[in-house]
Amino acid sequence: MDNNEKLTKELLSIGLSKKAALVYAAVLEFGRAFPSKIAATTKLNRTTVYHILTDLAVKGLVTESEQKGKRCYQVEPPKKLINYTKMQIRRAKEAEQKAKMILPEIEGLFNLVPHKPRVRYFEGIKGVLDVYEDHVSQEKPYEMLGVSNVEALIPSLPREFVSKYIRKKQKNKITTRALFPDAQFSETYDKQVYVGIEKKFIPKTKYIPKENFPFNCDITIYGENKVSIINFQKDVLISVIIEEKTVADMMRMIFELAWTSKNIK
């Protein structure tokens, strides 16, 4: 990698666009240059180069002068790059404050939009953990309903995370009913996983015949209107959160039908 290419990559890292970084590096290399020469070096068209040079001048990174009746450009002292980054930080903070000011209005408009199902997609173990974090993000009590192959699920999750998740369920007063396959691990699940938790926050469980539940998945109905679906088969690990009242209510109805079925003990 030559010095010019290295410099261009470093300029990208402080917020310049790729084209702006190419132009700045070219001006720096020549010391003073006409737009035509910069265009030839960077292989950008001359109009684009003019626009970029004007923008760099506004940012205080290059200076425009006249030579032989033509405009030419040279780089300002490199310390001006520090001023540029400070300006970016200041603008970002101003944008953050403005976003905070308009957030209530935007949220109000968002909540007025009818029938707006929100679907979020996650990949990998981090995505799975993000979904479980969402389960316990609501700080008011509710009943969580779940259908899960916990025998395959629990070993897939970090032990410390599981413990923290369960403690947060208790803290937020989240009760649970769950349907599990009738495997040995499922039937001892509460004793292995919910150690030290108040009895009323230990899941009430029923069991599906194992041969009818050959799936490594987890479906959770939670909060006011959310459903999460997690596929934790080996090398897959994909998750979805659906946030929509009608879908959540339908899934609750299906859960209740299963919960009262004579085929589930």
C-alpha atoms as a PDB file:
ATOM      1  CA  MET A   1       0.000   0.000   0.000  1.00  0.00           C
ATOM      2  CA  ASP A   2       1.534   3.348  -1.056  1.00  0.00           C
ATOM      3  CA  ASN A   3       1.449   6.430   1.179  1.00  0.00           C
ATOM      4  CA  ASN A   4      -1.331   8.051  -0.817  1.00  0.00           C
ATOM      5  CA  GLU A   5      -3.602   5.015  -0.500  1.00  0.00           C
ATOM      6  CA  LYS A   6      -2.838   4.726   3.217  1.00  0.00           C
ATOM      7  CA  LEU A   7      -3.607   8.422   3.745  1.00  0.00           C
ATOM      8  CA  THR A   8      -6.894   8.082   1.871  1.00  0.00           C
ATOM      9  CA  LYS A   9      -7.998   5.237   4.178  1.00  0.00           C
ATOM     10  CA  GLU A  10      -7.064   7.264   7.253  1.00  0.00           C
ATOM     11  CA  LEU A  11      -9.041  10.252   5.974  1.00  0.00           C
ATOM     12  CA  LEU A  12     -12.052   7.977   5.525  1.00  0.00           C
ATOM     13  CA  SER A  13     -11.766   7.046   9.194  1.00  0.00           C
ATOM     14  CA  ILE A  14     -12.226  10.685  10.323  1.00  0.00           C
ATOM     15  CA  GLY A  15     -15.402  11.175   8.321  1.00  0.00           C
ATOM     16  CA  LEU A  16     -14.424  12.311   4.838  1.00  0.00           C
ATOM     17  CA  SER A  17     -16.178  10.598   1.970  1.00  0.00           C
ATOM     18  CA  LYS A  18     -14.078   8.404  -0.310  1.00  0.00           C
ATOM     19  CA  LYS A  19     -14.082  10.987  -3.111  1.00  0.00           C
ATOM     20  CA  ALA A  20     -13.269  13.838  -0.718  1.00  0.00           C
ATOM     21  CA  ALA A  21     -10.416  11.804   0.746  1.00  0.00           C
ATOM     22  CA  LEU A  22      -9.021  11.135  -2.745  1.00  0.00           C
ATOM     23  CA  VAL A  23      -9.168  14.826  -3.644  1.00  0.00           C
ATOM     24  CA  TYR A  24      -7.618  15.964  -0.349  1.00  0.00           C
ATOM     25  CA  ALA A  25      -4.787  13.422  -0.684  1.00  0.00           C
ATOM     26  CA  ALA A  26      -4.127  14.554  -4.270  1.00  0.00           C
ATOM     27  CA  VAL A  27      -3.962  18.251  -3.295  1.00  0.00           C
ATOM     28  CA  LEU A  28      -1.641  17.381  -0.428  1.00  0.00           C
ATOM     29  CA  GLU A  29       0.608  15.375  -2.743  1.00  0.00           C
ATOM     30  CA  PHE A  30       0.939  18.201  -5.290  1.00  0.00           C
ATOM     31  CA  GLY A  31       1.205  20.993  -2.734  1.00  0.00           C
ATOM     32  CA  ARG A  32      -0.831  23.233  -5.032  1.00  0.00           C
ATOM     33  CA  ALA A  33      -2.928  21.977  -7.908  1.00  0.00           C
ATOM     34  CA  PHE A  34      -5.496  22.948 -10.502  1.00  0.00           C
ATOM     35  CA  PRO A  35      -8.827  21.062 -10.519  1.00  0.00           C
ATOM     36  CA  SER A  36      -8.001  19.593 -13.942  1.00  0.00           C
ATOM     37  CA  LYS A  37      -4.860  17.949 -12.580  1.00  0.00           C
ATOM     38  CA  ILE A  38      -6.698  16.661  -9.528  1.00  0.00           C
ATOM     39  CA  ALA A  39      -9.428  15.221 -11.770  1.00  0.00           C
ATOM     40  CA  ALA A  40      -6.838  13.449 -13.922  1.00  0.00           C
ATOM     41  CA  THR A  41      -5.092  11.995 -10.848  1.00  0.00           C
ATOM     42  CA  THR A  42      -8.205  10.851  -8.999  1.00  0.00           C
ATOM     43  CA  LYS A  43     -10.070   9.788 -12.173  1.00  0.00           C
ATOM     44  CA  LEU A  44     -13.084  11.813 -11.034  1.00  0.00           C
ATOM     45  CA  ASN A  45     -14.868  14.095 -13.459  1.00  0.00           C
ATOM     46  CA  ARG A  46     -13.970  17.775 -13.232  1.00  0.00           C
ATOM     47  CA  THR A  47     -17.437  18.919 -12.098  1.00  0.00           C
ATOM     48  CA  THR A  48     -17.330  16.472  -9.173  1.00  0.00           C
ATOM     49  CA  VAL A  49     -13.838  17.662  -8.250  1.00  0.00           C
ATOM     50  CA  TYR A  50     -15.010  21.309  -8.243  1.00  0.00           C
ATOM     51  CA  HIS A  51     -17.900  20.458  -5.914  1.00  0.00           C
ATOM     52  CA  ILE A  52     -15.625  18.509  -3.553  1.00  0.00           C
ATOM     53  CA  LEU A  53     -12.976  21.256  -3.482  1.00  0.00           C
ATOM     54  CA  THR A  54     -15.655  23.832  -2.664  1.00  0.00           C
ATOM     55  CA  ASP A  55     -16.927  21.627   0.159  1.00  0.00           C
ATOM     56  CA  LEU A  56     -13.395  21.075   1.508  1.00  0.00           C
ATOM     57  CA  ALA A  57     -12.833  24.833   1.412  1.00  0.00           C
ATOM     58  CA  VAL A  58     -16.048  25.388   3.410  1.00  0.00           C
ATOM     59  CA  LYS A  59     -14.806  22.830   5.931  1.00  0.00           C
ATOM     60  CA  GLY A  60     -11.549  24.795   6.211  1.00  0.00           C
ATOM     61  CA  LEU A  61      -9.387  21.954   4.903  1.00  0.00           C
ATOM     62  CA  VAL A  62      -8.200  23.536   1.637  1.00  0.00           C
ATOM     63  CA  THR A  63      -7.655  27.077   0.420  1.00  0.00           C
ATOM     64  CA  GLU A  64      -8.599  28.453  -2.979  1.00  0.00           C
ATOM     65  CA  SER A  65      -6.261  30.905  -4.731  1.00  0.00           C
ATOM     66  CA  GLU A  66      -5.650  32.156  -8.243  1.00  0.00           C
ATOM     67  CA  GLN A  67      -2.639  31.338 -10.400  1.00  0.00           C
ATOM     68  CA  LYS A  68      -2.267  32.407 -14.026  1.00  0.00           C
ATOM     69  CA  GLY A  69      -5.884  33.456 -14.038  1.00  0.00           C
ATOM     70  CA  LYS A  70      -7.076  30.021 -12.937  1.00  0.00           C
ATOM     71  CA  ARG A  71      -8.326  28.690  -9.632  1.00  0.00           C
ATOM     72  CA  CYS A  72      -5.937  26.421  -7.806  1.00  0.00           C
ATOM     73  CA  TYR A  73      -6.026  24.781  -4.406  1.00  0.00           C
ATOM     74  CA  GLN A  74      -3.681  23.912  -1.591  1.00  0.00           C
ATOM     75  CA  VAL A  75      -4.141  22.101   1.722  1.00  0.00           C
ATOM     76  CA  GLU A  76      -4.560  24.123   4.891  1.00  0.00           C
ATOM     77  CA  PRO A  77      -2.220  23.309   7.843  1.00  0.00           C
ATOM     78  CA  PRO A  78      -2.948  19.710   8.929  1.00  0.00           C
ATOM     79  CA  LYS A  79      -4.109  20.879  12.375  1.00  0.00           C
ATOM     80  CA  LYS A  80      -7.269  22.052  10.623  1.00  0.00           C
ATOM     81  CA  LEU A  81      -8.266  18.365  10.463  1.00  0.00           C
ATOM     82  CA  ILE A  82      -8.634  18.486  14.260  1.00  0.00           C
ATOM     83  CA  ASN A  83     -10.940  21.493  13.924  1.00  0.00           C
ATOM     84  CA  TYR A  84     -12.941  19.548  11.344  1.00  0.00           C
ATOM     85  CA  THR A  85     -13.404  16.539  13.646  1.00  0.00           C
ATOM     86  CA  LYS A  86     -14.377  18.822  16.553  1.00  0.00           C
ATOM     87  CA  MET A  87     -16.981  20.433  14.303  1.00  0.00           C
ATOM     88  CA  GLN A  88     -18.366  16.973  13.462  1.00  0.00           C
ATOM     89  CA  ILE A  89     -18.636  16.133  17.169  1.00  0.00           C
ATOM     90  CA  ARG A  90     -20.411  19.427  17.869  1.00  0.00           C
ATOM     91  CA  ARG A  91     -22.872  18.841  15.019  1.00  0.00           C
ATOM     92  CA  ALA A  92     -23.518  15.288  16.182  1.00  0.00           C
ATOM     93  CA  LYS A  93     -24.313  16.535  19.693  1.00  0.00           C
ATOM     94  CA  GLU A  94     -26.622  19.198  18.283  1.00  0.00           C
ATOM     95  CA  ALA A  95     -28.363  16.557  16.149  1.00  0.00           C
ATOM     96  CA  GLU A  96     -28.754  14.334  19.222  1.00  0.00           C
ATOM     97  CA  GLN A  97     -30.391  17.167  21.173  1.00  0.00           C
ATOM     98  CA  LYS A  98     -32.750  17.921  18.285  1.00  0.00           C
ATOM     99  CA  ALA A  99     -33.647  14.225  17.994  1.00  0.00           C
ATOM    100  CA  LYS A 100     -34.487  14.149  21.716  1.00  0.00           C
ATOM    101  CA  MET A 101     -36.670  17.241  21.320  1.00  0.00           C
ATOM    102  CA  ILE A 102     -38.728  15.848  18.436  1.00  0.00           C
ATOM    103  CA  LEU A 103     -38.879  12.260  19.745  1.00  0.00           C
ATOM    104  CA  PRO A 104     -42.204  12.663  21.635  1.00  0.00           C
ATOM    105  CA  GLU A 105     -43.846  14.118  18.522  1.00  0.00           C
ATOM    106  CA  ILE A 106     -42.483  11.360  16.270  1.00  0.00           C
ATOM    107  CA  GLU A 107     -43.553   8.652  18.732  1.00  0.00           C
ATOM    108  CA  GLY A 108     -47.025  10.200  18.898  1.00  0.00           C
ATOM    109  CA  LEU A 109     -47.374  10.102  15.126  1.00  0.00           C
ATOM    110  CA  PHE A 110     -45.950   6.567  15.025  1.00  0.00           C
ATOM    111  CA  ASN A 111     -48.544   5.342  17.501  1.00  0.00           C
ATOM    112  CA  LEU A 112     -51.364   6.864  15.439  1.00  0.00           C
ATOM    113  CA  VAL A 113     -50.541   4.778  12.366  1.00  0.00           C
ATOM    114  CA  PRO A 114     -53.042   1.866  12.276  1.00  0.00           C
ATOM    115  CA  HIS A 115     -52.111  -1.755  11.593  1.00  0.00           C
ATOM    116  CA  LYS A 116     -48.368  -1.308  11.529  1.00  0.00           C
ATOM    117  CA  PRO A 117     -46.823  -4.681  12.361  1.00  0.00           C
ATOM    118  CA  ARG A 118     -43.158  -4.315  13.157  1.00  0.00           C
ATOM    119  CA  VAL A 119     -40.862  -7.216  12.318  1.00  0.00           C
ATOM    120  CA  ARG A 120     -37.240  -7.397  13.448  1.00  0.00           C
ATOM    121  CA  TYR A 121     -34.805 -10.048  12.242  1.00  0.00           C
ATOM    122  CA  PHE A 122     -31.701 -11.227  14.141  1.00  0.00           C
ATOM    123  CA  GLU A 123     -28.824 -13.581  13.355  1.00  0.00           C
ATOM    124  CA  GLY A 124     -26.301 -15.493  15.449  1.00  0.00           C
ATOM    125  CA  ILE A 125     -25.997 -15.941  19.198  1.00  0.00           C
ATOM    126  CA  LYS A 126     -25.920 -12.161  19.771  1.00  0.00           C
ATOM    127  CA  GLY A 127     -29.256 -11.875  17.987  1.00  0.00           C
ATOM    128  CA  VAL A 128     -30.714 -14.637  20.156  1.00  0.00           C
ATOM    129  CA  LEU A 129     -29.529 -12.866  23.309  1.00  0.00           C
ATOM    130  CA  ASP A 130     -30.979  -9.569  22.055  1.00  0.00           C
ATOM    131  CA  VAL A 131     -34.371 -11.262  21.683  1.00  0.00           C
ATOM    132  CA  TYR A 132     -34.257 -12.635  25.238  1.00  0.00           C
ATOM    133  CA  GLU A 133     -33.234  -9.191  26.497  1.00  0.00           C
ATOM    134  CA  ASP A 134     -36.360  -7.824  24.832  1.00  0.00           C
ATOM    135  CA  HIS A 135     -38.494 -10.338  26.761  1.00  0.00           C
ATOM    136  CA  VAL A 136     -37.531  -8.639  30.038  1.00  0.00           C
ATOM    137  CA  SER A 137     -37.278  -5.039  28.800  1.00  0.00           C
ATOM    138  CA  GLN A 138     -40.832  -4.216  29.895  1.00  0.00           C
ATOM    139  CA  GLU A 139     -40.716  -3.131  33.511  1.00  0.00           C
ATOM    140  CA  LYS A 140     -44.337  -3.841  34.372  1.00  0.00           C
ATOM    141  CA  PRO A 141     -45.751  -7.276  35.242  1.00  0.00           C
ATOM    142  CA  TYR A 142     -47.177  -9.564  32.578  1.00  0.00           C
ATOM    143  CA  GLU A 143     -47.617 -13.280  31.863  1.00  0.00           C
ATOM    144  CA  MET A 144     -45.123 -14.788  29.416  1.00  0.00           C
ATOM    145  CA  LEU A 145     -46.296 -17.775  27.363  1.00  0.00           C
ATOM    146  CA  GLY A 146     -43.755 -20.064  25.760  1.00  0.00           C
ATOM    147  CA  VAL A 147     -43.397 -23.177  23.628  1.00  0.00           C
ATOM    148  CA  SER A 148     -39.819 -24.372  23.684  1.00  0.00           C
ATOM    149  CA  ASN A 149     -37.466 -27.312  23.409  1.00  0.00           C
ATOM    150  CA  VAL A 150     -35.525 -26.227  26.493  1.00  0.00           C
ATOM    151  CA  GLU A 151     -33.337 -29.328  26.390  1.00  0.00           C
ATOM    152  CA  ALA A 152     -31.736 -27.964  23.218  1.00  0.00           C
ATOM    153  CA  LEU A 153     -32.124 -24.302  24.152  1.00  0.00           C
ATOM    154  CA  ILE A 154     -30.453 -23.963  27.552  1.00  0.00           C
ATOM    155  CA  PRO A 155     -27.064 -25.435  26.561  1.00  0.00           C
ATOM    156  CA  SER A 156     -26.987 -22.949  23.650  1.00  0.00           C
ATOM    157  CA  LEU A 157     -27.063 -19.937  25.991  1.00  0.00           C
ATOM    158  CA  PRO A 158     -24.312 -18.599  28.286  1.00  0.00           C
ATOM    159  CA  ARG A 159     -25.060 -19.767  31.831  1.00  0.00           C
ATOM    160  CA  GLU A 160     -24.495 -16.306  33.319  1.00  0.00           C
ATOM    161  CA  PHE A 161     -26.918 -14.784  30.799  1.00  0.00           C
ATOM    162  CA  VAL A 162     -29.631 -17.336  31.686  1.00  0.00           C
ATOM    163  CA  SER A 163     -29.223 -16.564  35.386  1.00  0.00           C
ATOM    164  CA  LYS A 164     -29.419 -12.810  34.789  1.00  0.00           C
ATOM    165  CA  TYR A 165     -32.469 -13.237  32.524  1.00  0.00           C
ATOM    166  CA  ILE A 166     -34.346 -15.247  35.152  1.00  0.00           C
ATOM    167  CA  ARG A 167     -33.501 -12.793  37.941  1.00  0.00           C
ATOM    168  CA  LYS A 168     -34.794  -9.948  35.783  1.00  0.00           C
ATOM    169  CA  LYS A 169     -38.030 -11.857  35.162  1.00  0.00           C
ATOM    170  CA  GLN A 170     -38.505 -12.062  38.921  1.00  0.00           C
ATOM    171  CA  LYS A 171     -37.581  -8.388  39.409  1.00  0.00           C
ATOM    172  CA  ASN A 172     -40.133  -7.307  36.785  1.00  0.00           C
ATOM    173  CA  LYS A 173     -42.736  -9.720  38.222  1.00  0.00           C
ATOM    174  CA  ILE A 174     -43.085 -11.699  34.996  1.00  0.00           C
ATOM    175  CA  THR A 175     -44.948 -14.988  35.485  1.00  0.00           C
ATOM    176  CA  THR A 176     -44.692 -17.814  32.963  1.00  0.00           C
ATOM    177  CA  ARG A 177     -46.597 -20.725  31.519  1.00  0.00           C
ATOM    178  CA  ALA A 178     -44.731 -23.021  29.152  1.00  0.00           C
ATOM    179  CA  LEU A 179     -45.166 -26.074  26.950  1.00  0.00           C
ATOM    180  CA  PHE A 180     -42.123 -28.351  26.727  1.00  0.00           C
ATOM    181  CA  PRO A 181     -41.446 -31.753  25.142  1.00  0.00           C
ATOM    182  CA  ASP A 182     -41.711 -34.482  27.789  1.00  0.00           C
ATOM    183  CA  ALA A 183     -37.959 -35.103  27.966  1.00  0.00           C
ATOM    184  CA  GLN A 184     -36.141 -35.687  31.254  1.00  0.00           C
ATOM    185  CA  PHE A 185     -34.457 -32.268  31.161  1.00  0.00           C
ATOM    186  CA  SER A 186     -37.793 -30.506  30.633  1.00  0.00           C
ATOM    187  CA  GLU A 187     -39.294 -32.148  33.696  1.00  0.00           C
ATOM    188  CA  THR A 188     -36.396 -31.048  35.913  1.00  0.00           C
ATOM    189  CA  TYR A 189     -35.999 -27.675  34.181  1.00  0.00           C
ATOM    190  CA  ASP A 190     -37.254 -25.515  37.047  1.00  0.00           C
ATOM    191  CA  LYS A 191     -34.985 -27.257  39.576  1.00  0.00           C
ATOM    192  CA  GLN A 192     -31.917 -26.855  37.358  1.00  0.00           C
ATOM    193  CA  VAL A 193     -32.509 -23.369  36.001  1.00  0.00           C
ATOM    194  CA  TYR A 194     -34.796 -21.523  38.451  1.00  0.00           C
ATOM    195  CA  VAL A 195     -32.716 -22.158  41.571  1.00  0.00           C
ATOM    196  CA  GLY A 196     -33.394 -19.594  44.314  1.00  0.00           C
ATOM    197  CA  ILE A 197     -36.351 -17.986  42.516  1.00  0.00           C
ATOM    198  CA  GLU A 198     -39.679 -17.324  44.266  1.00  0.00           C
ATOM    199  CA  LYS A 199     -42.170 -20.095  43.576  1.00  0.00           C
ATOM    200  CA  LYS A 200     -44.731 -17.822  41.864  1.00  0.00           C
ATOM    201  CA  PHE A 201     -42.119 -16.846  39.250  1.00  0.00           C
ATOM    202  CA  ILE A 202     -41.136 -20.426  38.435  1.00  0.00           C
ATOM    203  CA  PRO A 203     -42.857 -21.450  35.164  1.00  0.00           C
ATOM    204  CA  LYS A 204     -46.026 -23.512  35.283  1.00  0.00           C
ATOM    205  CA  THR A 205     -45.358 -26.243  32.743  1.00  0.00           C
ATOM    206  CA  LYS A 206     -47.166 -28.854  30.698  1.00  0.00           C
ATOM    207  CA  TYR A 207     -45.584 -31.404  28.414  1.00  0.00           C
ATOM    208  CA  ILE A 208     -46.026 -32.329  24.773  1.00  0.00           C
ATOM    209  CA  PRO A 209     -45.208 -35.910  23.721  1.00  0.00           C
ATOM    210  CA  LYS A 210     -41.583 -35.733  22.625  1.00  0.00           C
ATOM    211  CA  GLU A 211     -42.260 -37.495  19.331  1.00  0.00           C
ATOM    212  CA  ASN A 212     -44.668 -34.653  18.458  1.00  0.00           C
ATOM    213  CA  PHE A 213     -42.056 -31.976  19.183  1.00  0.00           C
ATOM    214  CA  PRO A 214     -38.897 -32.777  17.161  1.00  0.00           C
ATOM    215  CA  PHE A 215     -37.993 -29.088  16.824  1.00  0.00           C
ATOM    216  CA  ASN A 216     -35.092 -27.008  18.153  1.00  0.00           C
ATOM    217  CA  CYS A 217     -37.080 -23.818  18.465  1.00  0.00           C
ATOM    218  CA  ASP A 218     -38.631 -21.396  20.892  1.00  0.00           C
ATOM    219  CA  ILE A 219     -41.842 -19.383  20.509  1.00  0.00           C
ATOM    220  CA  THR A 220     -42.580 -16.764  23.169  1.00  0.00           C
ATOM    221  CA  ILE A 221     -45.628 -14.519  23.483  1.00  0.00           C
ATOM    222  CA  TYR A 222     -44.692 -11.619  25.727  1.00  0.00           C
ATOM    223  CA  GLY A 223     -45.270  -8.023  26.728  1.00  0.00           C
ATOM    224  CA  GLU A 224     -48.415  -6.384  25.413  1.00  0.00           C
ATOM    225  CA  ASN A 225     -48.217  -7.370  21.749  1.00  0.00           C
ATOM    226  CA  LYS A 226     -45.005  -9.231  20.907  1.00  0.00           C
ATOM    227  CA  VAL A 227     -44.115 -12.690  19.652  1.00  0.00           C
ATOM    228  CA  SER A 228     -40.562 -13.977  19.278  1.00  0.00           C
ATOM    229  CA  ILE A 229     -39.554 -17.022  17.250  1.00  0.00           C
ATOM    230  CA  ILE A 230     -36.060 -18.456  17.642  1.00  0.00           C
ATOM    231  CA  ASN A 231     -34.557 -21.255  15.582  1.00  0.00           C
ATOM    232  CA  PHE A 232     -31.528 -22.516  17.502  1.00  0.00           C
ATOM    233  CA  GLN A 233     -30.672 -25.477  15.328  1.00  0.00           C
ATOM    234  CA  LYS A 234     -26.920 -25.936  14.990  1.00  0.00           C
ATOM    235  CA  ASP A 235     -25.346 -23.482  12.507  1.00  0.00           C
ATOM    236  CA  VAL A 236     -28.678 -21.667  11.995  1.00  0.00           C
ATOM    237  CA  LEU A 237     -29.475 -19.400  14.968  1.00  0.00           C
ATOM    238  CA  ILE A 238     -31.986 -16.986  13.495  1.00  0.00           C
ATOM    239  CA  SER A 239     -34.591 -15.028  15.434  1.00  0.00           C
ATOM    240  CA  VAL A 240     -37.606 -12.861  14.670  1.00  0.00           C
ATOM    241  CA  ILE A 241     -39.647 -10.478  16.812  1.00  0.00           C
ATOM    242  CA  ILE A 242     -43.142  -9.657  15.550  1.00  0.00           C
ATOM    243  CA  GLU A 243     -44.776  -6.705  17.270  1.00  0.00           C
ATOM    244  CA  GLU A 244     -48.476  -6.597  16.423  1.00  0.00           C
ATOM    245  CA  LYS A 245     -51.508  -7.018  18.689  1.00  0.00           C
ATOM    246  CA  THR A 246     -53.606  -9.190  16.378  1.00  0.00           C
ATOM    247  CA  VAL A 247     -50.729 -11.629  15.807  1.00  0.00           C
ATOM    248  CA  ALA A 248     -49.912 -11.744  19.539  1.00  0.00           C
ATOM    249  CA  ASP A 249     -53.571 -12.312  20.466  1.00  0.00           C
ATOM    250  CA  MET A 250     -53.891 -15.108  17.894  1.00  0.00           C
ATOM    251  CA  MET A 251     -50.748 -16.812  19.245  1.00  0.00           C
ATOM    252  CA  ARG A 252     -52.137 -16.531  22.800  1.00  0.00           C
ATOM    253  CA  MET A 253     -55.344 -18.214  21.625  1.00  0.00           C
ATOM    254  CA  ILE A 254     -53.366 -21.049  19.995  1.00  0.00           C
ATOM    255  CA  PHE A 255     -51.320 -21.446  23.190  1.00  0.00           C
ATOM    256  CA  GLU A 256     -54.478 -21.653  25.315  1.00  0.00           C
ATOM    257  CA  LEU A 257     -55.962 -24.280  22.992  1.00  0.00           C
ATOM    258  CA  ALA A 258     -52.798 -26.342  23.368  1.00  0.00           C
ATOM    259  CA  TRP A 259     -52.644 -25.741  27.135  1.00  0.00           C
ATOM    260  CA  THR A 260     -56.175 -27.156  27.625  1.00  0.00           C
ATOM    261  CA  SER A 261     -55.708 -30.056  25.191  1.00  0.00           C
ATOM    262  CA  LYS A 262     -56.235 -33.572  26.584  1.00  0.00           C
ATOM    263  CA  ASN A 263     -53.102 -34.709  24.717  1.00  0.00           C
ATOM    264  CA  ILE A 264     -50.896 -32.457  26.838  1.00  0.00           C
ATOM    265  CA  LYS A 265     -50.203 -33.479  30.403  1.00  0.00           C
END
